[in-house]
Amino acid sequence: MNMIEFFIGAAVGAAGGYVAKDSLLGGKNGGKQADLKRELDVLSDENEKLRKRYKDAERRIEDLVAENEILIKKGKNASDDHDELEDERDMLKAKVKKLQSANSELEIQLQDLKTACQSLQNEVNYLKSKQ
């Protein structure tokens, strides 16, 4: 946009210089000066409109940059939350694995105790039958 403003400003300056030259040197055509004055006014108006559009675009860009920064922060927070959840999941998996191992050991002990109880029951029955 700065280049556009530069070229428009140069065109306005050239037209203004031409008008000033004619008025200082006593130009031959008063109509030509009026045309140039109108052209200068039109170019000045266009230049002002472009300057306003440029400023509006700058403000919009600033707003979008700020919004982008907010979204980036939200994305980082979501990533951090995701990492925390993964860590918690891994910890829970390890805990489940330990509990499963402990459960297997307890099942083995229970089976051993059942076998021992059955042996004792058999021995009690044998001793009862002897009497």
C-alpha atoms as a PDB file:
ATOM      1  CA  MET A   1       0.000   0.000   0.000  1.00  0.00           C
ATOM      2  CA  ASN A   2       2.907   2.405   0.672  1.00  0.00           C
ATOM      3  CA  MET A   3       4.063   2.165  -2.954  1.00  0.00           C
ATOM      4  CA  ILE A   4       0.562   2.947  -4.180  1.00  0.00           C
ATOM      5  CA  GLU A   5       0.390   5.982  -1.924  1.00  0.00           C
ATOM      6  CA  PHE A   6       3.826   7.037  -3.154  1.00  0.00           C
ATOM      7  CA  PHE A   7       2.790   6.866  -6.808  1.00  0.00           C
ATOM      8  CA  ILE A   8      -0.497   8.619  -6.141  1.00  0.00           C
ATOM      9  CA  GLY A   9       1.318  11.290  -4.148  1.00  0.00           C
ATOM     10  CA  ALA A  10       3.824  11.691  -6.976  1.00  0.00           C
ATOM     11  CA  ALA A  11       1.003  12.040  -9.503  1.00  0.00           C
ATOM     12  CA  VAL A  12      -0.755  14.594  -7.309  1.00  0.00           C
ATOM     13  CA  GLY A  13       2.514  16.469  -6.832  1.00  0.00           C
ATOM     14  CA  ALA A  14       3.242  16.470 -10.564  1.00  0.00           C
ATOM     15  CA  ALA A  15      -0.236  17.721 -11.355  1.00  0.00           C
ATOM     16  CA  GLY A  16       0.050  20.355  -8.647  1.00  0.00           C
ATOM     17  CA  GLY A  17       3.443  21.451  -9.983  1.00  0.00           C
ATOM     18  CA  TYR A  18       2.076  21.708 -13.482  1.00  0.00           C
ATOM     19  CA  VAL A  19      -0.838  23.839 -12.300  1.00  0.00           C
ATOM     20  CA  ALA A  20       1.482  26.021 -10.243  1.00  0.00           C
ATOM     21  CA  LYS A  21       3.839  26.450 -13.235  1.00  0.00           C
ATOM     22  CA  ASP A  22       0.987  27.522 -15.471  1.00  0.00           C
ATOM     23  CA  SER A  23      -0.361  29.976 -12.927  1.00  0.00           C
ATOM     24  CA  LEU A  24       3.091  31.470 -12.279  1.00  0.00           C
ATOM     25  CA  LEU A  25       4.035  31.702 -15.912  1.00  0.00           C
ATOM     26  CA  GLY A  26       0.623  32.997 -16.890  1.00  0.00           C
ATOM     27  CA  GLY A  27      -0.772  29.980 -18.673  1.00  0.00           C
ATOM     28  CA  LYS A  28      -2.529  30.473 -21.955  1.00  0.00           C
ATOM     29  CA  ASN A  29      -5.681  28.519 -21.223  1.00  0.00           C
ATOM     30  CA  GLY A  30      -7.715  29.254 -18.138  1.00  0.00           C
ATOM     31  CA  GLY A  31      -9.865  26.198 -18.976  1.00  0.00           C
ATOM     32  CA  LYS A  32      -6.832  23.980 -18.973  1.00  0.00           C
ATOM     33  CA  GLN A  33      -5.943  25.241 -15.521  1.00  0.00           C
ATOM     34  CA  ALA A  34      -9.463  24.529 -14.321  1.00  0.00           C
ATOM     35  CA  ASP A  35      -9.248  20.993 -15.729  1.00  0.00           C
ATOM     36  CA  LEU A  36      -5.956  20.447 -14.001  1.00  0.00           C
ATOM     37  CA  LYS A  37      -7.369  21.841 -10.775  1.00  0.00           C
ATOM     38  CA  ARG A  38     -10.291  19.423 -10.981  1.00  0.00           C
ATOM     39  CA  GLU A  39      -7.907  16.560 -11.730  1.00  0.00           C
ATOM     40  CA  LEU A  40      -5.785  17.605  -8.763  1.00  0.00           C
ATOM     41  CA  ASP A  41      -8.869  17.640  -6.547  1.00  0.00           C
ATOM     42  CA  VAL A  42      -9.942  14.202  -7.799  1.00  0.00           C
ATOM     43  CA  LEU A  43      -6.477  12.789  -7.202  1.00  0.00           C
ATOM     44  CA  SER A  44      -6.362  14.349  -3.743  1.00  0.00           C
ATOM     45  CA  ASP A  45      -9.726  12.788  -2.912  1.00  0.00           C
ATOM     46  CA  GLU A  46      -8.580   9.404  -4.188  1.00  0.00           C
ATOM     47  CA  ASN A  47      -5.377   9.748  -2.212  1.00  0.00           C
ATOM     48  CA  GLU A  48      -7.353  10.469   0.954  1.00  0.00           C
ATOM     49  CA  LYS A  49      -9.663   7.503   0.326  1.00  0.00           C
ATOM     50  CA  LEU A  50      -6.676   5.216  -0.176  1.00  0.00           C
ATOM     51  CA  ARG A  51      -5.057   6.530   3.011  1.00  0.00           C
ATOM     52  CA  LYS A  52      -8.248   5.743   4.958  1.00  0.00           C
ATOM     53  CA  ARG A  53      -8.475   2.255   3.421  1.00  0.00           C
ATOM     54  CA  TYR A  54      -4.824   1.673   4.276  1.00  0.00           C
ATOM     55  CA  LYS A  55      -5.387   2.682   7.905  1.00  0.00           C
ATOM     56  CA  ASP A  56      -8.499   0.482   8.104  1.00  0.00           C
ATOM     57  CA  ALA A  57      -6.516  -2.432   6.682  1.00  0.00           C
ATOM     58  CA  GLU A  58      -3.731  -1.829   9.215  1.00  0.00           C
ATOM     59  CA  ARG A  59      -6.247  -1.888  12.081  1.00  0.00           C
ATOM     60  CA  ARG A  60      -7.815  -5.080  10.729  1.00  0.00           C
ATOM     61  CA  ILE A  61      -4.389  -6.699  10.464  1.00  0.00           C
ATOM     62  CA  GLU A  62      -3.605  -5.707  14.063  1.00  0.00           C
ATOM     63  CA  ASP A  63      -6.912  -7.236  15.177  1.00  0.00           C
ATOM     64  CA  LEU A  64      -6.194 -10.449  13.280  1.00  0.00           C
ATOM     65  CA  VAL A  65      -2.677 -10.671  14.719  1.00  0.00           C
ATOM     66  CA  ALA A  66      -4.060 -10.266  18.235  1.00  0.00           C
ATOM     67  CA  GLU A  67      -6.712 -12.913  17.562  1.00  0.00           C
ATOM     68  CA  ASN A  68      -4.051 -15.214  16.132  1.00  0.00           C
ATOM     69  CA  GLU A  69      -1.926 -14.813  19.279  1.00  0.00           C
ATOM     70  CA  ILE A  70      -4.921 -15.713  21.430  1.00  0.00           C
ATOM     71  CA  LEU A  71      -5.585 -18.821  19.336  1.00  0.00           C
ATOM     72  CA  ILE A  72      -1.923 -19.833  19.553  1.00  0.00           C
ATOM     73  CA  LYS A  73      -2.050 -19.541  23.354  1.00  0.00           C
ATOM     74  CA  LYS A  74      -5.230 -21.634  23.438  1.00  0.00           C
ATOM     75  CA  GLY A  75      -3.549 -24.219  21.228  1.00  0.00           C
ATOM     76  CA  LYS A  76      -0.539 -24.384  23.544  1.00  0.00           C
ATOM     77  CA  ASN A  77      -2.818 -24.763  26.564  1.00  0.00           C
ATOM     78  CA  ALA A  78      -4.725 -27.556  24.860  1.00  0.00           C
ATOM     79  CA  SER A  79      -1.439 -29.255  23.992  1.00  0.00           C
ATOM     80  CA  ASP A  80      -0.286 -28.955  27.604  1.00  0.00           C
ATOM     81  CA  ASP A  81      -3.597 -30.395  28.825  1.00  0.00           C
ATOM     82  CA  HIS A  82      -3.247 -33.242  26.332  1.00  0.00           C
ATOM     83  CA  ASP A  83       0.275 -33.995  27.587  1.00  0.00           C
ATOM     84  CA  GLU A  84      -0.940 -34.000  31.195  1.00  0.00           C
ATOM     85  CA  LEU A  85      -3.753 -36.411  30.322  1.00  0.00           C
ATOM     86  CA  GLU A  86      -1.327 -38.713  28.539  1.00  0.00           C
ATOM     87  CA  ASP A  87       0.962 -38.708  31.590  1.00  0.00           C
ATOM     88  CA  GLU A  88      -1.987 -39.505  33.849  1.00  0.00           C
ATOM     89  CA  ARG A  89      -3.099 -42.300  31.492  1.00  0.00           C
ATOM     90  CA  ASP A  90       0.388 -43.824  31.496  1.00  0.00           C
ATOM     91  CA  MET A  91       0.490 -43.664  35.301  1.00  0.00           C
ATOM     92  CA  LEU A  92      -2.911 -45.385  35.530  1.00  0.00           C
ATOM     93  CA  LYS A  93      -1.810 -48.097  33.086  1.00  0.00           C
ATOM     94  CA  ALA A  94       1.227 -48.825  35.272  1.00  0.00           C
ATOM     95  CA  LYS A  95      -1.007 -48.953  38.345  1.00  0.00           C
ATOM     96  CA  VAL A  96      -3.420 -51.374  36.630  1.00  0.00           C
ATOM     97  CA  LYS A  97      -0.487 -53.583  35.612  1.00  0.00           C
ATOM     98  CA  LYS A  98       0.753 -53.709  39.238  1.00  0.00           C
ATOM     99  CA  LEU A  99      -2.742 -54.529  40.476  1.00  0.00           C
ATOM    100  CA  GLN A 100      -3.133 -57.297  37.899  1.00  0.00           C
ATOM    101  CA  SER A 101       0.191 -58.770  38.974  1.00  0.00           C
ATOM    102  CA  ALA A 102      -0.822 -58.605  42.636  1.00  0.00           C
ATOM    103  CA  ASN A 103      -4.181 -60.200  41.757  1.00  0.00           C
ATOM    104  CA  SER A 104      -2.417 -63.080  39.988  1.00  0.00           C
ATOM    105  CA  GLU A 105      -0.222 -63.664  43.031  1.00  0.00           C
ATOM    106  CA  LEU A 106      -3.268 -63.643  45.299  1.00  0.00           C
ATOM    107  CA  GLU A 107      -5.030 -66.165  43.018  1.00  0.00           C
ATOM    108  CA  ILE A 108      -2.032 -68.469  43.295  1.00  0.00           C
ATOM    109  CA  GLN A 109      -2.009 -68.093  47.088  1.00  0.00           C
ATOM    110  CA  LEU A 110      -5.756 -68.728  47.219  1.00  0.00           C
ATOM    111  CA  GLN A 111      -5.365 -71.884  45.140  1.00  0.00           C
ATOM    112  CA  ASP A 112      -2.552 -73.049  47.454  1.00  0.00           C
ATOM    113  CA  LEU A 113      -4.745 -72.368  50.484  1.00  0.00           C
ATOM    114  CA  LYS A 114      -7.679 -74.238  48.931  1.00  0.00           C
ATOM    115  CA  THR A 115      -5.392 -77.196  48.276  1.00  0.00           C
ATOM    116  CA  ALA A 116      -4.092 -77.044  51.851  1.00  0.00           C
ATOM    117  CA  CYS A 117      -7.652 -76.835  53.213  1.00  0.00           C
ATOM    118  CA  GLN A 118      -8.715 -79.768  51.087  1.00  0.00           C
ATOM    119  CA  SER A 119      -5.746 -81.774  52.386  1.00  0.00           C
ATOM    120  CA  LEU A 120      -6.657 -80.887  55.954  1.00  0.00           C
ATOM    121  CA  GLN A 121     -10.298 -81.770  55.309  1.00  0.00           C
ATOM    122  CA  ASN A 122      -9.227 -85.094  53.874  1.00  0.00           C
ATOM    123  CA  GLU A 123      -7.026 -85.711  56.901  1.00  0.00           C
ATOM    124  CA  VAL A 124      -9.872 -84.817  59.298  1.00  0.00           C
ATOM    125  CA  ASN A 125     -12.213 -87.164  57.418  1.00  0.00           C
ATOM    126  CA  TYR A 126      -9.601 -89.922  57.537  1.00  0.00           C
ATOM    127  CA  LEU A 127      -9.093 -89.448  61.260  1.00  0.00           C
ATOM    128  CA  LYS A 128     -12.849 -89.472  61.861  1.00  0.00           C
ATOM    129  CA  SER A 129     -13.254 -92.644  59.890  1.00  0.00           C
ATOM    130  CA  LYS A 130     -10.544 -94.345  62.004  1.00  0.00           C
ATOM    131  CA  GLN A 131     -12.358 -93.744  65.223  1.00  0.00           C
END
